[in-house]
Amino acid sequence: MRWIWRALAYWDVTQEGGHGDLRPYVLVQFGSVLVILLLVGLFPSRYTRGVDLVAALAIYVFAKIFEAADGSIFALGNIVSGHTLKHIAAAVSVYWILRMLRHRDVLSAQQRIRSTNE
């Protein structure tokens, strides 16, 4: 969480200089997604329901799409904005992870070997 605050502080300082550099913020926002993908891909899970992480990540990607299309979504009917949908999708993504943690089971050694060979 510290990194996001540092990235925002950097943006604020560069904004005062007239060229608001958001590269560290973008790295924090999307770099974390890449790290999660790498962890899921490189390290086999010791638990069932590992695919739920991919589902949660996909939902988070939709949240980022809603954020990017904020004005366009609101213009469709002037009822709900992309920003609102972003928060709903992000909450659903977190819920999906909590659901996974609640329902997962430990894989036996034999199941782990089988899942790495697939």
Protein backbone atom coordinates (compact mmCIF):
# COMPACT_ATOMS: atom_id res chain seq x y z
CA MET A 1 0.00 0.00 0.00
CA ARG A 2 2.96 2.28 0.60
CA TRP A 3 3.89 2.13 -3.07
CA ILE A 4 0.60 3.61 -4.23
CA TRP A 5 1.02 6.57 -1.88
CA ARG A 6 4.58 7.10 -3.07
CA ALA A 7 3.45 6.95 -6.70
CA LEU A 8 0.70 9.48 -6.03
CA ALA A 9 3.10 11.77 -4.17
CA TYR A 10 5.51 11.58 -7.11
CA TRP A 11 2.69 12.44 -9.50
CA ASP A 12 1.71 15.40 -7.31
CA VAL A 13 5.27 16.75 -7.25
CA THR A 14 5.64 16.38 -11.02
CA GLN A 15 2.19 17.91 -11.54
CA GLU A 16 3.36 21.02 -9.70
CA GLY A 17 6.28 21.11 -12.15
CA GLY A 18 3.79 21.12 -15.01
CA HIS A 19 4.27 17.64 -16.43
CA GLY A 20 2.39 15.21 -14.10
CA ASP A 21 4.24 11.91 -14.55
CA LEU A 22 1.91 8.96 -13.89
CA ARG A 23 4.36 6.19 -14.85
CA PRO A 24 4.95 4.99 -11.25
CA TYR A 25 1.18 4.97 -10.64
CA VAL A 26 0.58 2.92 -13.79
CA LEU A 27 3.36 0.53 -12.74
CA VAL A 28 1.71 0.01 -9.35
CA GLN A 29 -1.75 -0.43 -10.90
CA PHE A 30 -0.81 -2.84 -13.67
CA GLY A 31 2.48 -4.24 -12.39
CA SER A 32 0.63 -5.94 -9.57
CA VAL A 33 -1.60 -7.68 -12.10
CA LEU A 34 1.47 -8.95 -13.95
CA VAL A 35 3.03 -10.18 -10.70
CA ILE A 36 -0.15 -12.10 -9.83
CA LEU A 37 -0.22 -13.68 -13.30
CA LEU A 38 3.42 -14.72 -12.93
CA LEU A 39 2.83 -16.20 -9.48
CA VAL A 40 -0.20 -18.16 -10.66
CA GLY A 41 1.63 -19.38 -13.76
CA LEU A 42 4.99 -20.26 -12.22
CA PHE A 43 4.03 -21.77 -8.88
CA PRO A 44 1.54 -24.62 -8.74
CA SER A 45 -1.07 -24.18 -6.06
CA ARG A 46 -1.17 -26.41 -3.01
CA TYR A 47 -4.90 -25.82 -2.79
CA THR A 48 -7.97 -26.45 -4.90
CA ARG A 49 -9.79 -23.56 -6.58
CA GLY A 50 -6.64 -21.93 -7.92
CA VAL A 51 -8.56 -21.00 -11.06
CA ASP A 52 -10.62 -18.62 -8.91
CA LEU A 53 -7.59 -16.30 -8.82
CA VAL A 54 -7.76 -16.05 -12.60
CA ALA A 55 -11.51 -15.30 -12.38
CA ALA A 56 -10.88 -12.58 -9.78
CA LEU A 57 -8.18 -11.11 -11.98
CA ALA A 58 -10.53 -11.09 -14.98
CA ILE A 59 -13.15 -9.27 -12.92
CA TYR A 60 -10.49 -6.74 -11.90
CA VAL A 61 -9.63 -6.20 -15.57
CA PHE A 62 -13.29 -5.37 -16.16
CA ALA A 63 -13.04 -2.87 -13.29
CA LYS A 64 -10.15 -1.15 -15.07
CA ILE A 65 -12.13 -1.12 -18.34
CA PHE A 66 -15.08 0.48 -16.55
CA GLU A 67 -12.71 3.08 -15.13
CA ALA A 68 -11.30 3.90 -18.56
CA ALA A 69 -14.80 4.15 -20.10
CA ASP A 70 -16.25 6.22 -17.26
CA GLY A 71 -17.74 9.04 -19.33
CA SER A 72 -18.90 6.83 -22.17
CA ILE A 73 -20.76 4.53 -19.80
CA PHE A 74 -22.45 7.46 -18.08
CA ALA A 75 -23.43 8.93 -21.45
CA LEU A 76 -25.35 5.74 -22.30
CA GLY A 77 -28.21 6.59 -19.98
CA ASN A 78 -27.04 9.13 -17.42
CA ILE A 79 -27.81 6.60 -14.67
CA VAL A 80 -24.54 5.00 -13.64
CA SER A 81 -20.93 5.90 -14.37
CA GLY A 82 -17.99 3.69 -15.20
CA HIS A 83 -16.43 4.85 -11.93
CA THR A 84 -19.35 3.37 -9.99
CA LEU A 85 -19.17 0.13 -11.96
CA LYS A 86 -15.41 0.02 -11.34
CA HIS A 87 -15.99 0.01 -7.58
CA ILE A 88 -18.66 -2.67 -7.86
CA ALA A 89 -16.43 -4.87 -10.05
CA ALA A 90 -13.42 -4.40 -7.74
CA ALA A 91 -15.58 -5.40 -4.75
CA VAL A 92 -16.80 -8.49 -6.62
CA SER A 93 -13.17 -9.37 -7.41
CA VAL A 94 -12.25 -9.21 -3.72
CA TYR A 95 -15.37 -11.20 -2.84
CA TRP A 96 -14.32 -13.88 -5.35
CA ILE A 97 -10.95 -14.24 -3.64
CA LEU A 98 -12.59 -14.47 -0.20
CA ARG A 99 -14.99 -17.07 -1.60
CA MET A 100 -12.05 -19.05 -2.95
CA LEU A 101 -10.30 -18.96 0.43
CA ARG A 102 -13.43 -20.16 2.18
CA HIS A 103 -14.10 -23.09 -0.17
CA ARG A 104 -10.62 -24.33 -1.03
CA ASP A 105 -9.06 -27.56 0.22
CA VAL A 106 -5.47 -28.74 0.46
CA LEU A 107 -4.36 -30.80 -2.51
CA SER A 108 -2.72 -34.13 -1.74
CA ALA A 109 0.81 -34.67 -3.00
CA GLN A 110 -0.53 -36.96 -5.72
CA GLN A 111 -3.07 -34.34 -6.87
CA ARG A 112 -0.31 -31.69 -6.98
CA ILE A 113 1.90 -33.91 -9.13
CA ARG A 114 -1.03 -34.61 -11.46
CA SER A 115 -1.92 -30.89 -11.76
CA THR A 116 1.67 -29.89 -12.61
CA ASN A 117 1.85 -32.53 -15.34
CA GLU A 118 -1.33 -31.32 -17.08
